[in-house]
Amino acid sequence: MISIIQILLTAAIIFLGFYSYSKLRSSYIDAALIFFFLILGITLVFSPELTNKIAHYLGVGRGADLIFYVSDLFFLFLIMKLYLKVRRLEQNLTELVREKTIEQARTPDDLS
């Protein structure tokens, strides 16, 4: 029997999948990854015992714990990726400001 939480989670997964695809649209790889995670998420929502089997195979007590650990790793990866992107953008901005400042710099001859 299908429970309300399964319906809500499936709707949320589908919404996030379509929303992500509509925002990215950059390549077939992105679309394939979104589709893969969409199918994986829906499969795990309707087969929670599958996560328990995978967790036991990997030596984790429960499927929920496994999902929590994988989510932690995924979010740490995203945080690091975003941090590195911000650092790269800061470096690019610094370089652009330097170049612009040097272009606009006045020499002592220009002041007279």
PDB file of N, CA and C in Angstrom:
ATOM      1  N   MET A   1       0.837  -1.181   0.000  1.00  0.00           N
ATOM      2  CA  MET A   1       0.000   0.000   0.000  1.00  0.00           C
ATOM      3  C   MET A   1       0.885   1.248   0.000  1.00  0.00           C
ATOM      4  N   ILE A   2       0.486   2.213  -0.754  1.00  0.00           N
ATOM      5  CA  ILE A   2       1.246   3.464  -0.875  1.00  0.00           C
ATOM      6  C   ILE A   2       0.844   4.404   0.263  1.00  0.00           C
ATOM      7  N   SER A   3       1.849   4.949   0.950  1.00  0.00           N
ATOM      8  CA  SER A   3       1.577   5.862   2.063  1.00  0.00           C
ATOM      9  C   SER A   3       1.666   7.315   1.579  1.00  0.00           C
ATOM     10  N   ILE A   4       1.196   8.197   2.416  1.00  0.00           N
ATOM     11  CA  ILE A   4       1.197   9.628   2.084  1.00  0.00           C
ATOM     12  C   ILE A   4       2.624  10.140   1.947  1.00  0.00           C
ATOM     13  N   ILE A   5       3.523   9.681   2.804  1.00  0.00           N
ATOM     14  CA  ILE A   5       4.908  10.155   2.741  1.00  0.00           C
ATOM     15  C   ILE A   5       5.557   9.740   1.428  1.00  0.00           C
ATOM     16  N   GLN A   6       5.228   8.547   0.924  1.00  0.00           N
ATOM     17  CA  GLN A   6       5.773   8.118  -0.360  1.00  0.00           C
ATOM     18  C   GLN A   6       5.293   9.023  -1.489  1.00  0.00           C
ATOM     19  N   ILE A   7       4.045   9.417  -1.439  1.00  0.00           N
ATOM     20  CA  ILE A   7       3.499  10.318  -2.463  1.00  0.00           C
ATOM     21  C   ILE A   7       4.175  11.678  -2.368  1.00  0.00           C
ATOM     22  N   LEU A   8       4.317  12.197  -1.140  1.00  0.00           N
ATOM     23  CA  LEU A   8       4.948  13.503  -0.957  1.00  0.00           C
ATOM     24  C   LEU A   8       6.411  13.489  -1.395  1.00  0.00           C
ATOM     25  N   LEU A   9       7.137  12.440  -0.999  1.00  0.00           N
ATOM     26  CA  LEU A   9       8.555  12.353  -1.377  1.00  0.00           C
ATOM     27  C   LEU A   9       8.717  12.193  -2.882  1.00  0.00           C
ATOM     28  N   THR A  10       7.871  11.390  -3.499  1.00  0.00           N
ATOM     29  CA  THR A  10       7.939  11.219  -4.952  1.00  0.00           C
ATOM     30  C   THR A  10       7.657  12.533  -5.659  1.00  0.00           C
ATOM     31  N   ALA A  11       6.642  13.257  -5.213  1.00  0.00           N
ATOM     32  CA  ALA A  11       6.329  14.555  -5.811  1.00  0.00           C
ATOM     33  C   ALA A  11       7.493  15.527  -5.639  1.00  0.00           C
ATOM     34  N   ALA A  12       8.108  15.528  -4.458  1.00  0.00           N
ATOM     35  CA  ALA A  12       9.249  16.424  -4.207  1.00  0.00           C
ATOM     36  C   ALA A  12      10.440  16.052  -5.082  1.00  0.00           C
ATOM     37  N   ILE A  13      10.712  14.757  -5.228  1.00  0.00           N
ATOM     38  CA  ILE A  13      11.833  14.316  -6.063  1.00  0.00           C
ATOM     39  C   ILE A  13      11.597  14.703  -7.517  1.00  0.00           C
ATOM     40  N   ILE A  14      10.391  14.474  -8.005  1.00  0.00           N
ATOM     41  CA  ILE A  14      10.080  14.825  -9.401  1.00  0.00           C
ATOM     42  C   ILE A  14      10.182  16.337  -9.602  1.00  0.00           C
ATOM     43  N   PHE A  15       9.639  17.110  -8.667  1.00  0.00           N
ATOM     44  CA  PHE A  15       9.728  18.566  -8.776  1.00  0.00           C
ATOM     45  C   PHE A  15      11.183  19.022  -8.804  1.00  0.00           C
ATOM     46  N   LEU A  16      11.999  18.527  -7.877  1.00  0.00           N
ATOM     47  CA  LEU A  16      13.406  18.915  -7.836  1.00  0.00           C
ATOM     48  C   LEU A  16      14.145  18.487  -9.099  1.00  0.00           C
ATOM     49  N   GLY A  17      13.815  17.321  -9.621  1.00  0.00           N
ATOM     50  CA  GLY A  17      14.439  16.855 -10.854  1.00  0.00           C
ATOM     51  C   GLY A  17      14.121  17.767 -12.029  1.00  0.00           C
ATOM     52  N   PHE A  18      12.851  18.088 -12.213  1.00  0.00           N
ATOM     53  CA  PHE A  18      12.472  18.970 -13.319  1.00  0.00           C
ATOM     54  C   PHE A  18      12.991  20.389 -13.118  1.00  0.00           C
ATOM     55  N   TYR A  19      12.958  20.858 -11.883  1.00  0.00           N
ATOM     56  CA  TYR A  19      13.471  22.199 -11.600  1.00  0.00           C
ATOM     57  C   TYR A  19      14.964  22.275 -11.907  1.00  0.00           C
ATOM     58  N   SER A  20      15.707  21.257 -11.461  1.00  0.00           N
ATOM     59  CA  SER A  20      17.145  21.234 -11.726  1.00  0.00           C
ATOM     60  C   SER A  20      17.423  21.179 -13.219  1.00  0.00           C
ATOM     61  N   TYR A  21      16.683  20.354 -13.917  1.00  0.00           N
ATOM     62  CA  TYR A  21      16.891  20.235 -15.364  1.00  0.00           C
ATOM     63  C   TYR A  21      16.574  21.543 -16.075  1.00  0.00           C
ATOM     64  N   SER A  22      15.513  22.211 -15.655  1.00  0.00           N
ATOM     65  CA  SER A  22      15.144  23.471 -16.315  1.00  0.00           C
ATOM     66  C   SER A  22      16.176  24.564 -16.064  1.00  0.00           C
ATOM     67  N   LYS A  23      16.853  24.509 -14.915  1.00  0.00           N
ATOM     68  CA  LYS A  23      17.872  25.519 -14.613  1.00  0.00           C
ATOM     69  C   LYS A  23      19.216  25.195 -15.258  1.00  0.00           C
ATOM     70  N   LEU A  24      19.566  23.918 -15.371  1.00  0.00           N
ATOM     71  CA  LEU A  24      20.874  23.548 -15.899  1.00  0.00           C
ATOM     72  C   LEU A  24      20.896  23.551 -17.424  1.00  0.00           C
ATOM     73  N   ARG A  25      20.212  22.591 -18.004  1.00  0.00           N
ATOM     74  CA  ARG A  25      20.149  22.428 -19.457  1.00  0.00           C
ATOM     75  C   ARG A  25      21.480  22.622 -20.153  1.00  0.00           C
ATOM     76  N   SER A  26      22.536  22.177 -19.528  1.00  0.00           N
ATOM     77  CA  SER A  26      23.846  22.436 -20.112  1.00  0.00           C
ATOM     78  C   SER A  26      24.379  21.283 -20.933  1.00  0.00           C
ATOM     79  N   SER A  27      24.051  20.055 -20.569  1.00  0.00           N
ATOM     80  CA  SER A  27      24.590  18.943 -21.338  1.00  0.00           C
ATOM     81  C   SER A  27      23.751  17.693 -21.112  1.00  0.00           C
ATOM     82  N   TYR A  28      24.033  16.712 -21.950  1.00  0.00           N
ATOM     83  CA  TYR A  28      23.354  15.431 -21.799  1.00  0.00           C
ATOM     84  C   TYR A  28      23.803  14.716 -20.534  1.00  0.00           C
ATOM     85  N   ILE A  29      25.029  14.969 -20.116  1.00  0.00           N
ATOM     86  CA  ILE A  29      25.527  14.345 -18.888  1.00  0.00           C
ATOM     87  C   ILE A  29      24.735  14.844 -17.686  1.00  0.00           C
ATOM     88  N   ASP A  30      24.482  16.169 -17.635  1.00  0.00           N
ATOM     89  CA  ASP A  30      23.670  16.718 -16.545  1.00  0.00           C
ATOM     90  C   ASP A  30      22.277  16.101 -16.551  1.00  0.00           C
ATOM     91  N   ALA A  31      21.675  16.012 -17.734  1.00  0.00           N
ATOM     92  CA  ALA A  31      20.338  15.429 -17.838  1.00  0.00           C
ATOM     93  C   ALA A  31      20.349  13.970 -17.406  1.00  0.00           C
ATOM     94  N   ALA A  32      21.378  13.224 -17.804  1.00  0.00           N
ATOM     95  CA  ALA A  32      21.467  11.810 -17.427  1.00  0.00           C
ATOM     96  C   ALA A  32      21.639  11.658 -15.922  1.00  0.00           C
ATOM     97  N   LEU A  33      22.469  12.509 -15.313  1.00  0.00           N
ATOM     98  CA  LEU A  33      22.661  12.441 -13.857  1.00  0.00           C
ATOM     99  C   LEU A  33      21.376  12.783 -13.111  1.00  0.00           C
ATOM    100  N   ILE A  34      20.683  13.803 -13.569  1.00  0.00           N
ATOM    101  CA  ILE A  34      19.411  14.178 -12.931  1.00  0.00           C
ATOM    102  C   ILE A  34      18.419  13.032 -13.054  1.00  0.00           C
ATOM    103  N   PHE A  35      18.329  12.445 -14.247  1.00  0.00           N
ATOM    104  CA  PHE A  35      17.408  11.332 -14.463  1.00  0.00           C
ATOM    105  C   PHE A  35      17.792  10.142 -13.584  1.00  0.00           C
ATOM    106  N   PHE A  36      19.085   9.844 -13.487  1.00  0.00           N
ATOM    107  CA  PHE A  36      19.552   8.735 -12.651  1.00  0.00           C
ATOM    108  C   PHE A  36      19.159   8.946 -11.194  1.00  0.00           C
ATOM    109  N   PHE A  37      19.418  10.137 -10.649  1.00  0.00           N
ATOM    110  CA  PHE A  37      19.091  10.396  -9.249  1.00  0.00           C
ATOM    111  C   PHE A  37      17.580  10.448  -9.030  1.00  0.00           C
ATOM    112  N   LEU A  38      16.842  10.881 -10.030  1.00  0.00           N
ATOM    113  CA  LEU A  38      15.385  10.891  -9.945  1.00  0.00           C
ATOM    114  C   LEU A  38      14.872   9.457  -9.815  1.00  0.00           C
ATOM    115  N   ILE A  39      15.347   8.570 -10.681  1.00  0.00           N
ATOM    116  CA  ILE A  39      14.921   7.170 -10.632  1.00  0.00           C
ATOM    117  C   ILE A  39      15.397   6.505  -9.342  1.00  0.00           C
ATOM    118  N   LEU A  40      16.646   6.772  -8.948  1.00  0.00           N
ATOM    119  CA  LEU A  40      17.178   6.206  -7.711  1.00  0.00           C
ATOM    120  C   LEU A  40      16.353   6.648  -6.504  1.00  0.00           C
ATOM    121  N   GLY A  41      16.051   7.932  -6.435  1.00  0.00           N
ATOM    122  CA  GLY A  41      15.262   8.454  -5.310  1.00  0.00           C
ATOM    123  C   GLY A  41      13.886   7.835  -5.240  1.00  0.00           C
ATOM    124  N   ILE A  42      13.209   7.745  -6.378  1.00  0.00           N
ATOM    125  CA  ILE A  42      11.863   7.151  -6.386  1.00  0.00           C
ATOM    126  C   ILE A  42      11.932   5.665  -6.027  1.00  0.00           C
ATOM    127  N   THR A  43      12.964   4.980  -6.532  1.00  0.00           N
ATOM    128  CA  THR A  43      13.131   3.557  -6.203  1.00  0.00           C
ATOM    129  C   THR A  43      13.322   3.372  -4.706  1.00  0.00           C
ATOM    130  N   LEU A  44      14.152   4.205  -4.098  1.00  0.00           N
ATOM    131  CA  LEU A  44      14.398   4.071  -2.654  1.00  0.00           C
ATOM    132  C   LEU A  44      13.192   4.467  -1.815  1.00  0.00           C
ATOM    133  N   VAL A  45      12.374   5.390  -2.327  1.00  0.00           N
ATOM    134  CA  VAL A  45      11.160   5.764  -1.600  1.00  0.00           C
ATOM    135  C   VAL A  45      10.191   4.591  -1.555  1.00  0.00           C
ATOM    136  N   PHE A  46      10.062   3.874  -2.672  1.00  0.00           N
ATOM    137  CA  PHE A  46       9.105   2.770  -2.720  1.00  0.00           C
ATOM    138  C   PHE A  46       9.703   1.429  -2.291  1.00  0.00           C
ATOM    139  N   SER A  47      11.029   1.354  -2.121  1.00  0.00           N
ATOM    140  CA  SER A  47      11.679   0.122  -1.653  1.00  0.00           C
ATOM    141  C   SER A  47      12.658   0.437  -0.531  1.00  0.00           C
ATOM    142  N   PRO A  48      12.171   0.894   0.610  1.00  0.00           N
ATOM    143  CA  PRO A  48      13.094   1.249   1.693  1.00  0.00           C
ATOM    144  C   PRO A  48      13.910   0.056   2.186  1.00  0.00           C
ATOM    145  N   GLU A  49      13.403  -1.162   1.999  1.00  0.00           N
ATOM    146  CA  GLU A  49      14.171  -2.335   2.419  1.00  0.00           C
ATOM    147  C   GLU A  49      15.442  -2.492   1.591  1.00  0.00           C
ATOM    148  N   LEU A  50      15.458  -1.927   0.393  1.00  0.00           N
ATOM    149  CA  LEU A  50      16.652  -1.967  -0.452  1.00  0.00           C
ATOM    150  C   LEU A  50      17.804  -1.197   0.200  1.00  0.00           C
ATOM    151  N   THR A  51      17.481  -0.060   0.808  1.00  0.00           N
ATOM    152  CA  THR A  51      18.535   0.699   1.495  1.00  0.00           C
ATOM    153  C   THR A  51      19.079  -0.080   2.686  1.00  0.00           C
ATOM    154  N   ASN A  52      18.205  -0.817   3.361  1.00  0.00           N
ATOM    155  CA  ASN A  52      18.668  -1.651   4.480  1.00  0.00           C
ATOM    156  C   ASN A  52      19.600  -2.751   3.986  1.00  0.00           C
ATOM    157  N   LYS A  53      19.263  -3.379   2.870  1.00  0.00           N
ATOM    158  CA  LYS A  53      20.117  -4.436   2.319  1.00  0.00           C
ATOM    159  C   LYS A  53      21.480  -3.879   1.918  1.00  0.00           C
ATOM    160  N   ILE A  54      21.476  -2.722   1.250  1.00  0.00           N
ATOM    161  CA  ILE A  54      22.739  -2.094   0.838  1.00  0.00           C
ATOM    162  C   ILE A  54      23.547  -1.692   2.068  1.00  0.00           C
ATOM    163  N   ALA A  55      22.858  -1.149   3.080  1.00  0.00           N
ATOM    164  CA  ALA A  55      23.538  -0.727   4.311  1.00  0.00           C
ATOM    165  C   ALA A  55      24.182  -1.920   5.003  1.00  0.00           C
ATOM    166  N   HIS A  56      23.458  -3.011   5.121  1.00  0.00           N
ATOM    167  CA  HIS A  56      24.018  -4.200   5.775  1.00  0.00           C
ATOM    168  C   HIS A  56      25.195  -4.750   4.984  1.00  0.00           C
ATOM    169  N   TYR A  57      25.110  -4.706   3.670  1.00  0.00           N
ATOM    170  CA  TYR A  57      26.210  -5.175   2.826  1.00  0.00           C
ATOM    171  C   TYR A  57      27.463  -4.331   3.050  1.00  0.00           C
ATOM    172  N   LEU A  58      27.267  -3.018   3.261  1.00  0.00           N
ATOM    173  CA  LEU A  58      28.394  -2.107   3.473  1.00  0.00           C
ATOM    174  C   LEU A  58      28.827  -2.014   4.933  1.00  0.00           C
ATOM    175  N   GLY A  59      28.117  -2.701   5.818  1.00  0.00           N
ATOM    176  CA  GLY A  59      28.499  -2.708   7.222  1.00  0.00           C
ATOM    177  C   GLY A  59      27.894  -1.577   8.035  1.00  0.00           C
ATOM    178  N   VAL A  60      26.816  -0.985   7.539  1.00  0.00           N
ATOM    179  CA  VAL A  60      26.119   0.083   8.263  1.00  0.00           C
ATOM    180  C   VAL A  60      24.856  -0.532   8.859  1.00  0.00           C
ATOM    181  N   GLY A  61      24.477  -0.059  10.035  1.00  0.00           N
ATOM    182  CA  GLY A  61      23.340  -0.654  10.741  1.00  0.00           C
ATOM    183  C   GLY A  61      22.007  -0.551  10.027  1.00  0.00           C
ATOM    184  N   ARG A  62      21.645   0.635   9.596  1.00  0.00           N
ATOM    185  CA  ARG A  62      20.329   0.844   8.995  1.00  0.00           C
ATOM    186  C   ARG A  62      20.474   1.589   7.678  1.00  0.00           C
ATOM    187  N   GLY A  63      19.463   1.464   6.839  1.00  0.00           N
ATOM    188  CA  GLY A  63      19.441   2.174   5.563  1.00  0.00           C
ATOM    189  C   GLY A  63      19.369   3.680   5.747  1.00  0.00           C
ATOM    190  N   ALA A  64      18.635   4.110   6.774  1.00  0.00           N
ATOM    191  CA  ALA A  64      18.539   5.546   7.042  1.00  0.00           C
ATOM    192  C   ALA A  64      19.897   6.129   7.408  1.00  0.00           C
ATOM    193  N   ASP A  65      20.677   5.360   8.159  1.00  0.00           N
ATOM    194  CA  ASP A  65      22.026   5.810   8.511  1.00  0.00           C
ATOM    195  C   ASP A  65      22.901   5.926   7.265  1.00  0.00           C
ATOM    196  N   LEU A  66      22.782   4.948   6.388  1.00  0.00           N
ATOM    197  CA  LEU A  66      23.555   4.978   5.143  1.00  0.00           C
ATOM    198  C   LEU A  66      23.207   6.216   4.319  1.00  0.00           C
ATOM    199  N   ILE A  67      21.925   6.500   4.202  1.00  0.00           N
ATOM    200  CA  ILE A  67      21.497   7.691   3.454  1.00  0.00           C
ATOM    201  C   ILE A  67      22.036   8.948   4.117  1.00  0.00           C
ATOM    202  N   PHE A  68      22.028   8.984   5.432  1.00  0.00           N
ATOM    203  CA  PHE A  68      22.561  10.131   6.164  1.00  0.00           C
ATOM    204  C   PHE A  68      24.056  10.304   5.890  1.00  0.00           C
ATOM    205  N   TYR A  69      24.823   9.217   5.941  1.00  0.00           N
ATOM    206  CA  TYR A  69      26.266   9.291   5.702  1.00  0.00           C
ATOM    207  C   TYR A  69      26.565   9.740   4.278  1.00  0.00           C
ATOM    208  N   VAL A  70      25.859   9.172   3.327  1.00  0.00           N
ATOM    209  CA  VAL A  70      26.074   9.548   1.921  1.00  0.00           C
ATOM    210  C   VAL A  70      25.688  11.014   1.707  1.00  0.00           C
ATOM    211  N   SER A  71      24.598  11.434   2.331  1.00  0.00           N
ATOM    212  CA  SER A  71      24.179  12.840   2.217  1.00  0.00           C
ATOM    213  C   SER A  71      25.220  13.777   2.805  1.00  0.00           C
ATOM    214  N   ASP A  72      25.769  13.401   3.957  1.00  0.00           N
ATOM    215  CA  ASP A  72      26.833  14.210   4.566  1.00  0.00           C
ATOM    216  C   ASP A  72      28.016  14.372   3.622  1.00  0.00           C
ATOM    217  N   LEU A  73      28.462  13.270   3.051  1.00  0.00           N
ATOM    218  CA  LEU A  73      29.581  13.330   2.110  1.00  0.00           C
ATOM    219  C   LEU A  73      29.248  14.181   0.895  1.00  0.00           C
ATOM    220  N   PHE A  74      28.044  14.023   0.391  1.00  0.00           N
ATOM    221  CA  PHE A  74      27.613  14.795  -0.777  1.00  0.00           C
ATOM    222  C   PHE A  74      27.585  16.288  -0.459  1.00  0.00           C
ATOM    223  N   PHE A  75      27.036  16.655   0.692  1.00  0.00           N
ATOM    224  CA  PHE A  75      26.964  18.072   1.045  1.00  0.00           C
ATOM    225  C   PHE A  75      28.346  18.658   1.330  1.00  0.00           C
ATOM    226  N   LEU A  76      29.232  17.879   1.927  1.00  0.00           N
ATOM    227  CA  LEU A  76      30.603  18.350   2.117  1.00  0.00           C
ATOM    228  C   LEU A  76      31.285  18.594   0.772  1.00  0.00           C
ATOM    229  N   PHE A  77      31.050  17.689  -0.176  1.00  0.00           N
ATOM    230  CA  PHE A  77      31.574  17.864  -1.524  1.00  0.00           C
ATOM    231  C   PHE A  77      31.031  19.145  -2.147  1.00  0.00           C
ATOM    232  N   LEU A  78      29.726  19.376  -2.027  1.00  0.00           N
ATOM    233  CA  LEU A  78      29.128  20.596  -2.592  1.00  0.00           C
ATOM    234  C   LEU A  78      29.676  21.854  -1.935  1.00  0.00           C
ATOM    235  N   ILE A  79      29.820  21.832  -0.628  1.00  0.00           N
ATOM    236  CA  ILE A  79      30.360  22.996   0.084  1.00  0.00           C
ATOM    237  C   ILE A  79      31.775  23.298  -0.395  1.00  0.00           C
ATOM    238  N   MET A  80      32.601  22.256  -0.519  1.00  0.00           N
ATOM    239  CA  MET A  80      33.975  22.451  -0.983  1.00  0.00           C
ATOM    240  C   MET A  80      33.989  22.973  -2.428  1.00  0.00           C
ATOM    241  N   LYS A  81      33.128  22.420  -3.255  1.00  0.00           N
ATOM    242  CA  LYS A  81      33.065  22.857  -4.651  1.00  0.00           C
ATOM    243  C   LYS A  81      32.634  24.328  -4.743  1.00  0.00           C
ATOM    244  N   LEU A  82      31.642  24.711  -3.966  1.00  0.00           N
ATOM    245  CA  LEU A  82      31.192  26.105  -3.969  1.00  0.00           C
ATOM    246  C   LEU A  82      32.252  27.034  -3.400  1.00  0.00           C
ATOM    247  N   TYR A  83      32.940  26.595  -2.350  1.00  0.00           N
ATOM    248  CA  TYR A  83      34.011  27.400  -1.770  1.00  0.00           C
ATOM    249  C   TYR A  83      35.106  27.646  -2.804  1.00  0.00           C
ATOM    250  N   LEU A  84      35.507  26.594  -3.502  1.00  0.00           N
ATOM    251  CA  LEU A  84      36.552  26.748  -4.519  1.00  0.00           C
ATOM    252  C   LEU A  84      36.103  27.653  -5.657  1.00  0.00           C
ATOM    253  N   LYS A  85      34.833  27.580  -6.011  1.00  0.00           N
ATOM    254  CA  LYS A  85      34.313  28.450  -7.065  1.00  0.00           C
ATOM    255  C   LYS A  85      34.327  29.913  -6.615  1.00  0.00           C
ATOM    256  N   VAL A  86      33.945  30.165  -5.371  1.00  0.00           N
ATOM    257  CA  VAL A  86      33.972  31.528  -4.836  1.00  0.00           C
ATOM    258  C   VAL A  86      35.401  32.053  -4.804  1.00  0.00           C
ATOM    259  N   ARG A  87      36.341  31.216  -4.364  1.00  0.00           N
ATOM    260  CA  ARG A  87      37.757  31.636  -4.340  1.00  0.00           C
ATOM    261  C   ARG A  87      38.253  31.981  -5.741  1.00  0.00           C
ATOM    262  N   ARG A  88      37.902  31.162  -6.721  1.00  0.00           N
ATOM    263  CA  ARG A  88      38.317  31.425  -8.093  1.00  0.00           C
ATOM    264  C   ARG A  88      37.687  32.727  -8.610  1.00  0.00           C
ATOM    265  N   LEU A  89      36.424  32.959  -8.282  1.00  0.00           N
ATOM    266  CA  LEU A  89      35.773  34.204  -8.695  1.00  0.00           C
ATOM    267  C   LEU A  89      36.419  35.412  -8.026  1.00  0.00           C
ATOM    268  N   GLU A  90      36.776  35.281  -6.749  1.00  0.00           N
ATOM    269  CA  GLU A  90      37.468  36.371  -6.054  1.00  0.00           C
ATOM    270  C   GLU A  90      38.800  36.668  -6.715  1.00  0.00           C
ATOM    271  N   GLN A  91      39.539  35.642  -7.070  1.00  0.00           N
ATOM    272  CA  GLN A  91      40.831  35.838  -7.727  1.00  0.00           C
ATOM    273  C   GLN A  91      40.654  36.500  -9.089  1.00  0.00           C
ATOM    274  N   ASN A  92      39.639  36.071  -9.845  1.00  0.00           N
ATOM    275  CA  ASN A  92      39.376  36.692 -11.148  1.00  0.00           C
ATOM    276  C   ASN A  92      38.995  38.158 -10.984  1.00  0.00           C
ATOM    277  N   LEU A  93      38.162  38.460  -9.995  1.00  0.00           N
ATOM    278  CA  LEU A  93      37.752  39.835  -9.760  1.00  0.00           C
ATOM    279  C   LEU A  93      38.945  40.700  -9.354  1.00  0.00           C
ATOM    280  N   THR A  94      39.789  40.166  -8.488  1.00  0.00           N
ATOM    281  CA  THR A  94      40.991  40.898  -8.073  1.00  0.00           C
ATOM    282  C   THR A  94      41.871  41.200  -9.278  1.00  0.00           C
ATOM    283  N   GLU A  95      42.062  40.229 -10.129  1.00  0.00           N
ATOM    284  CA  GLU A  95      42.886  40.418 -11.324  1.00  0.00           C
ATOM    285  C   GLU A  95      42.277  41.462 -12.265  1.00  0.00           C
ATOM    286  N   LEU A  96      40.965  41.416 -12.443  1.00  0.00           N
ATOM    287  CA  LEU A  96      40.301  42.408 -13.301  1.00  0.00           C
ATOM    288  C   LEU A  96      40.423  43.817 -12.737  1.00  0.00           C
ATOM    289  N   VAL A  97      40.249  43.950 -11.424  1.00  0.00           N
ATOM    290  CA  VAL A  97      40.363  45.272 -10.794  1.00  0.00           C
ATOM    291  C   VAL A  97      41.792  45.791 -10.929  1.00  0.00           C
ATOM    292  N   ARG A  98      42.769  44.912 -10.748  1.00  0.00           N
ATOM    293  CA  ARG A  98      44.172  45.318 -10.923  1.00  0.00           C
ATOM    294  C   ARG A  98      44.430  45.817 -12.338  1.00  0.00           C
ATOM    295  N   GLU A  99      43.986  45.038 -13.311  1.00  0.00           N
ATOM    296  CA  GLU A  99      44.198  45.425 -14.709  1.00  0.00           C
ATOM    297  C   GLU A  99      43.527  46.756 -15.026  1.00  0.00           C
ATOM    298  N   LYS A 100      42.305  46.934 -14.557  1.00  0.00           N
ATOM    299  CA  LYS A 100      41.562  48.178 -14.811  1.00  0.00           C
ATOM    300  C   LYS A 100      42.253  49.361 -14.134  1.00  0.00           C
ATOM    301  N   THR A 101      42.742  49.144 -12.925  1.00  0.00           N
ATOM    302  CA  THR A 101      43.431  50.208 -12.195  1.00  0.00           C
ATOM    303  C   THR A 101      44.716  50.602 -12.910  1.00  0.00           C
ATOM    304  N   ILE A 102      45.449  49.623 -13.382  1.00  0.00           N
ATOM    305  CA  ILE A 102      46.692  49.915 -14.102  1.00  0.00           C
ATOM    306  C   ILE A 102      46.391  50.667 -15.399  1.00  0.00           C
ATOM    307  N   GLU A 103      45.321  50.283 -16.081  1.00  0.00           N
ATOM    308  CA  GLU A 103      44.939  50.978 -17.319  1.00  0.00           C
ATOM    309  C   GLU A 103      44.585  52.443 -17.055  1.00  0.00           C
ATOM    310  N   GLN A 104      43.935  52.697 -15.940  1.00  0.00           N
ATOM    311  CA  GLN A 104      43.464  54.043 -15.642  1.00  0.00           C
ATOM    312  C   GLN A 104      44.461  54.860 -14.829  1.00  0.00           C
ATOM    313  N   ALA A 105      45.573  54.272 -14.479  1.00  0.00           N
ATOM    314  CA  ALA A 105      46.558  54.989 -13.661  1.00  0.00           C
ATOM    315  C   ALA A 105      47.108  56.182 -14.433  1.00  0.00           C
ATOM    316  N   ARG A 106      47.341  57.271 -13.715  1.00  0.00           N
ATOM    317  CA  ARG A 106      47.904  58.474 -14.327  1.00  0.00           C
ATOM    318  C   ARG A 106      49.387  58.553 -14.022  1.00  0.00           C
ATOM    319  N   THR A 107      50.098  59.006 -14.953  1.00  0.00           N
ATOM    320  CA  THR A 107      51.517  59.235 -14.740  1.00  0.00           C
ATOM    321  C   THR A 107      51.683  60.670 -14.266  1.00  0.00           C
ATOM    322  N   PRO A 108      52.855  61.027 -13.678  1.00  0.00           N
ATOM    323  CA  PRO A 108      53.070  62.422 -13.236  1.00  0.00           C
ATOM    324  C   PRO A 108      52.926  63.423 -14.380  1.00  0.00           C
ATOM    325  N   ASP A 109      53.217  63.031 -15.610  1.00  0.00           N
ATOM    326  CA  ASP A 109      53.060  63.932 -16.749  1.00  0.00           C
ATOM    327  C   ASP A 109      51.594  64.253 -17.020  1.00  0.00           C
ATOM    328  N   ASP A 110      50.691  63.320 -16.718  1.00  0.00           N
ATOM    329  CA  ASP A 110      49.264  63.541 -16.967  1.00  0.00           C
ATOM    330  C   ASP A 110      48.656  64.548 -15.984  1.00  0.00           C
ATOM    331  N   LEU A 111      49.266  64.713 -14.819  1.00  0.00           N
ATOM    332  CA  LEU A 111      48.742  65.600 -13.802  1.00  0.00           C
ATOM    333  C   LEU A 111      48.983  67.067 -14.133  1.00  0.00           C
ATOM    334  N   SER A 112      49.958  67.402 -14.973  1.00  0.00           N
ATOM    335  CA  SER A 112      50.261  68.788 -15.237  1.00  0.00           C
ATOM    336  C   SER A 112      49.456  69.362 -16.356  1.00  0.00           C
TER     337      SER A 112
END
